[in-house]
Amino acid sequence: MNMNDIKPEQSFFDRQMGFAVLRVMVGINMLTRSIVRIPELQDFVNGMVSNFSDTFLPDPFVMVFGYTVVLVETITGILLILGWKTRWALAAVGVLLCCLAFGMILQQNFGTAANIMIYGIAVSLLLFHTKYDGFGIDRGFPKSGN
């Protein structure tokens, strides 16, 4: 089968499936990160405060941000898995990733900042291609191109 044998509607459907797989994968990543943190939330927040003690960020700010991280991960993870308010969930994840990267750079933890950049690339790709968001609550479920 060569590329000329693929019908345009089939190619579009394939792109919708690809978008859905990546969207759900990012959603699972966000949600499970929060799920494992919730039982030890206070330890997580205290660890963040300790990790940022050598930076200019005040402890109360870091503490509030620690709780916010878990809340945003939970909400955006659920929204992305369901495909509901996808564009806004992706934008929120993008802002969160920018904040996390900034924090890692303040700590001079450049390896983790680079890992965050990989997530940022995935989120950006999804935002660039929201026209292919065809599965989920926002857009319903498309008919196969077959």
C-alpha atoms as a PDB file:
ATOM      1  CA  MET A   1       0.000   0.000   0.000  1.00  0.00           C
ATOM      2  CA  ASN A   2       1.464   3.348  -0.958  1.00  0.00           C
ATOM      3  CA  MET A   3       0.531   6.807   0.332  1.00  0.00           C
ATOM      4  CA  ASN A   4      -1.689   7.464  -2.712  1.00  0.00           C
ATOM      5  CA  ASP A   5      -3.962   4.576  -1.662  1.00  0.00           C
ATOM      6  CA  ILE A   6      -4.892   6.273   1.629  1.00  0.00           C
ATOM      7  CA  LYS A   7      -8.161   8.200   1.449  1.00  0.00           C
ATOM      8  CA  PRO A   8      -8.052  11.751   2.877  1.00  0.00           C
ATOM      9  CA  GLU A   9     -10.736  10.927   5.448  1.00  0.00           C
ATOM     10  CA  GLN A  10      -8.751   7.866   6.574  1.00  0.00           C
ATOM     11  CA  SER A  11      -5.600   9.951   6.990  1.00  0.00           C
ATOM     12  CA  PHE A  12      -7.559  12.540   9.018  1.00  0.00           C
ATOM     13  CA  PHE A  13      -9.002   9.763  11.197  1.00  0.00           C
ATOM     14  CA  ASP A  14      -5.500   8.374  11.783  1.00  0.00           C
ATOM     15  CA  ARG A  15      -4.357  11.825  12.902  1.00  0.00           C
ATOM     16  CA  GLN A  16      -7.317  12.041  15.251  1.00  0.00           C
ATOM     17  CA  MET A  17      -6.367   8.699  16.765  1.00  0.00           C
ATOM     18  CA  GLY A  18      -2.746   9.824  17.125  1.00  0.00           C
ATOM     19  CA  PHE A  19      -3.861  13.035  18.815  1.00  0.00           C
ATOM     20  CA  ALA A  20      -6.087  11.058  21.193  1.00  0.00           C
ATOM     21  CA  VAL A  21      -3.289   8.657  22.147  1.00  0.00           C
ATOM     22  CA  LEU A  22      -0.874  11.484  22.984  1.00  0.00           C
ATOM     23  CA  ARG A  23      -3.588  13.502  24.768  1.00  0.00           C
ATOM     24  CA  VAL A  24      -4.564  10.539  26.948  1.00  0.00           C
ATOM     25  CA  MET A  25      -0.900   9.700  27.608  1.00  0.00           C
ATOM     26  CA  VAL A  26      -0.201  13.224  28.851  1.00  0.00           C
ATOM     27  CA  GLY A  27      -3.413  13.077  30.897  1.00  0.00           C
ATOM     28  CA  ILE A  28      -2.445   9.780  32.511  1.00  0.00           C
ATOM     29  CA  ASN A  29       0.980  11.181  33.297  1.00  0.00           C
ATOM     30  CA  MET A  30      -0.492  14.266  34.969  1.00  0.00           C
ATOM     31  CA  LEU A  31      -3.185  12.397  36.898  1.00  0.00           C
ATOM     32  CA  THR A  32      -0.978   9.593  38.183  1.00  0.00           C
ATOM     33  CA  ARG A  33       1.676  12.083  39.297  1.00  0.00           C
ATOM     34  CA  SER A  34      -0.932  13.689  41.528  1.00  0.00           C
ATOM     35  CA  ILE A  35      -2.407  10.382  42.695  1.00  0.00           C
ATOM     36  CA  VAL A  36       0.935   9.193  44.047  1.00  0.00           C
ATOM     37  CA  ARG A  37       1.546  12.560  45.726  1.00  0.00           C
ATOM     38  CA  ILE A  38      -1.828  12.979  47.434  1.00  0.00           C
ATOM     39  CA  PRO A  39      -1.266  10.356  50.190  1.00  0.00           C
ATOM     40  CA  GLU A  40       2.034  12.060  51.081  1.00  0.00           C
ATOM     41  CA  LEU A  41       1.014  15.608  50.184  1.00  0.00           C
ATOM     42  CA  GLN A  42       2.522  17.283  53.232  1.00  0.00           C
ATOM     43  CA  ASP A  43       5.847  15.475  52.707  1.00  0.00           C
ATOM     44  CA  PHE A  44       5.823  16.527  49.039  1.00  0.00           C
ATOM     45  CA  VAL A  45       5.189  20.177  49.919  1.00  0.00           C
ATOM     46  CA  ASN A  46       7.773  20.153  52.727  1.00  0.00           C
ATOM     47  CA  GLY A  47      10.288  18.616  50.320  1.00  0.00           C
ATOM     48  CA  MET A  48       9.649  21.394  47.809  1.00  0.00           C
ATOM     49  CA  VAL A  49      10.136  24.030  50.497  1.00  0.00           C
ATOM     50  CA  SER A  50      13.396  22.378  51.508  1.00  0.00           C
ATOM     51  CA  ASN A  51      14.585  22.090  47.895  1.00  0.00           C
ATOM     52  CA  PHE A  52      13.960  25.794  47.270  1.00  0.00           C
ATOM     53  CA  SER A  53      15.525  27.020  50.515  1.00  0.00           C
ATOM     54  CA  ASP A  54      18.667  28.147  48.652  1.00  0.00           C
ATOM     55  CA  THR A  55      16.696  30.205  46.115  1.00  0.00           C
ATOM     56  CA  PHE A  56      15.144  33.651  46.401  1.00  0.00           C
ATOM     57  CA  LEU A  57      11.604  32.206  46.523  1.00  0.00           C
ATOM     58  CA  PRO A  58       9.941  32.673  49.916  1.00  0.00           C
ATOM     59  CA  ASP A  59       8.858  29.517  51.755  1.00  0.00           C
ATOM     60  CA  PRO A  60       5.128  30.444  51.863  1.00  0.00           C
ATOM     61  CA  PHE A  61       5.109  30.920  48.080  1.00  0.00           C
ATOM     62  CA  VAL A  62       6.762  27.543  47.506  1.00  0.00           C
ATOM     63  CA  MET A  63       4.322  25.897  49.926  1.00  0.00           C
ATOM     64  CA  VAL A  64       1.257  27.293  48.130  1.00  0.00           C
ATOM     65  CA  PHE A  65       2.772  26.373  44.780  1.00  0.00           C
ATOM     66  CA  GLY A  66       3.354  22.787  45.981  1.00  0.00           C
ATOM     67  CA  TYR A  67      -0.335  22.356  46.782  1.00  0.00           C
ATOM     68  CA  THR A  68      -1.255  24.052  43.509  1.00  0.00           C
ATOM     69  CA  VAL A  69       0.923  21.686  41.485  1.00  0.00           C
ATOM     70  CA  VAL A  70      -0.961  18.654  42.774  1.00  0.00           C
ATOM     71  CA  LEU A  71      -4.352  20.295  42.221  1.00  0.00           C
ATOM     72  CA  VAL A  72      -3.501  21.361  38.662  1.00  0.00           C
ATOM     73  CA  GLU A  73      -2.070  17.918  37.842  1.00  0.00           C
ATOM     74  CA  THR A  74      -5.251  16.253  39.092  1.00  0.00           C
ATOM     75  CA  ILE A  75      -7.684  18.505  37.246  1.00  0.00           C
ATOM     76  CA  THR A  76      -5.769  18.669  33.966  1.00  0.00           C
ATOM     77  CA  GLY A  77      -5.098  14.929  34.022  1.00  0.00           C
ATOM     78  CA  ILE A  78      -8.810  14.158  34.315  1.00  0.00           C
ATOM     79  CA  LEU A  79      -9.734  16.709  31.652  1.00  0.00           C
ATOM     80  CA  LEU A  80      -7.162  15.381  29.187  1.00  0.00           C
ATOM     81  CA  ILE A  81      -8.119  11.745  29.702  1.00  0.00           C
ATOM     82  CA  LEU A  82     -11.785  12.604  29.100  1.00  0.00           C
ATOM     83  CA  GLY A  83     -11.031  14.989  26.248  1.00  0.00           C
ATOM     84  CA  TRP A  84     -13.020  17.750  27.942  1.00  0.00           C
ATOM     85  CA  LYS A  85     -11.912  21.397  27.723  1.00  0.00           C
ATOM     86  CA  THR A  86      -8.817  20.003  26.015  1.00  0.00           C
ATOM     87  CA  ARG A  87      -7.360  23.275  24.747  1.00  0.00           C
ATOM     88  CA  TRP A  88      -7.606  24.928  28.180  1.00  0.00           C
ATOM     89  CA  ALA A  89      -6.271  21.854  29.976  1.00  0.00           C
ATOM     90  CA  LEU A  90      -3.265  21.775  27.628  1.00  0.00           C
ATOM     91  CA  ALA A  91      -2.678  25.491  28.142  1.00  0.00           C
ATOM     92  CA  ALA A  92      -2.776  24.987  31.925  1.00  0.00           C
ATOM     93  CA  VAL A  93      -0.299  22.107  31.677  1.00  0.00           C
ATOM     94  CA  GLY A  94       1.939  24.315  29.533  1.00  0.00           C
ATOM     95  CA  VAL A  95       1.912  27.084  32.145  1.00  0.00           C
ATOM     96  CA  LEU A  96       2.586  24.551  34.906  1.00  0.00           C
ATOM     97  CA  LEU A  97       5.523  23.126  32.940  1.00  0.00           C
ATOM     98  CA  CYS A  98       6.968  26.612  32.445  1.00  0.00           C
ATOM     99  CA  CYS A  99       6.764  27.216  36.203  1.00  0.00           C
ATOM    100  CA  LEU A 100       8.326  23.844  36.979  1.00  0.00           C
ATOM    101  CA  ALA A 101      11.153  24.433  34.496  1.00  0.00           C
ATOM    102  CA  PHE A 102      11.799  27.851  36.038  1.00  0.00           C
ATOM    103  CA  GLY A 103      12.024  26.251  39.480  1.00  0.00           C
ATOM    104  CA  MET A 104      14.417  23.565  38.311  1.00  0.00           C
ATOM    105  CA  ILE A 105      16.642  26.161  36.666  1.00  0.00           C
ATOM    106  CA  LEU A 106      16.679  28.178  39.918  1.00  0.00           C
ATOM    107  CA  GLN A 107      17.919  25.035  41.640  1.00  0.00           C
ATOM    108  CA  GLN A 108      20.415  24.507  38.809  1.00  0.00           C
ATOM    109  CA  ASN A 109      18.805  21.142  38.164  1.00  0.00           C
ATOM    110  CA  PHE A 110      19.271  21.328  34.414  1.00  0.00           C
ATOM    111  CA  GLY A 111      18.666  17.620  33.751  1.00  0.00           C
ATOM    112  CA  THR A 112      15.169  17.781  35.207  1.00  0.00           C
ATOM    113  CA  ALA A 113      14.556  21.053  33.365  1.00  0.00           C
ATOM    114  CA  ALA A 114      15.457  19.234  30.134  1.00  0.00           C
ATOM    115  CA  ASN A 115      12.973  16.447  30.955  1.00  0.00           C
ATOM    116  CA  ILE A 116      10.291  19.054  31.535  1.00  0.00           C
ATOM    117  CA  MET A 117      11.113  20.459  28.086  1.00  0.00           C
ATOM    118  CA  ILE A 118      10.214  17.071  26.572  1.00  0.00           C
ATOM    119  CA  TYR A 119       6.779  17.245  28.198  1.00  0.00           C
ATOM    120  CA  GLY A 120       6.530  20.808  26.931  1.00  0.00           C
ATOM    121  CA  ILE A 121       7.182  19.642  23.387  1.00  0.00           C
ATOM    122  CA  ALA A 122       4.406  17.045  23.654  1.00  0.00           C
ATOM    123  CA  VAL A 123       1.971  19.625  25.034  1.00  0.00           C
ATOM    124  CA  SER A 124       2.957  22.123  22.330  1.00  0.00           C
ATOM    125  CA  LEU A 125       2.449  19.527  19.597  1.00  0.00           C
ATOM    126  CA  LEU A 126      -1.000  18.812  20.956  1.00  0.00           C
ATOM    127  CA  LEU A 127      -1.859  22.520  21.076  1.00  0.00           C
ATOM    128  CA  PHE A 128      -0.560  23.017  17.526  1.00  0.00           C
ATOM    129  CA  HIS A 129      -2.819  20.198  16.312  1.00  0.00           C
ATOM    130  CA  THR A 130      -6.080  20.659  18.226  1.00  0.00           C
ATOM    131  CA  LYS A 131      -7.907  20.465  14.878  1.00  0.00           C
ATOM    132  CA  TYR A 132      -7.330  16.708  15.167  1.00  0.00           C
ATOM    133  CA  ASP A 133      -8.985  16.497  18.585  1.00  0.00           C
ATOM    134  CA  GLY A 134     -11.773  14.195  17.476  1.00  0.00           C
ATOM    135  CA  PHE A 135     -12.167  11.768  20.358  1.00  0.00           C
ATOM    136  CA  GLY A 136     -13.500  12.732  23.747  1.00  0.00           C
ATOM    137  CA  ILE A 137     -16.239  14.773  25.327  1.00  0.00           C
ATOM    138  CA  ASP A 138     -15.381  18.033  23.515  1.00  0.00           C
ATOM    139  CA  ARG A 139     -15.906  16.705  20.007  1.00  0.00           C
ATOM    140  CA  GLY A 140     -17.644  13.376  20.328  1.00  0.00           C
ATOM    141  CA  PHE A 141     -16.342  10.264  18.646  1.00  0.00           C
ATOM    142  CA  PRO A 142     -15.775  10.350  14.875  1.00  0.00           C
ATOM    143  CA  LYS A 143     -16.740   7.699  12.391  1.00  0.00           C
ATOM    144  CA  SER A 144     -13.852   5.674  10.993  1.00  0.00           C
ATOM    145  CA  GLY A 145     -12.539   6.760   7.612  1.00  0.00           C
ATOM    146  CA  ASN A 146     -13.100   3.208   6.286  1.00  0.00           C
END
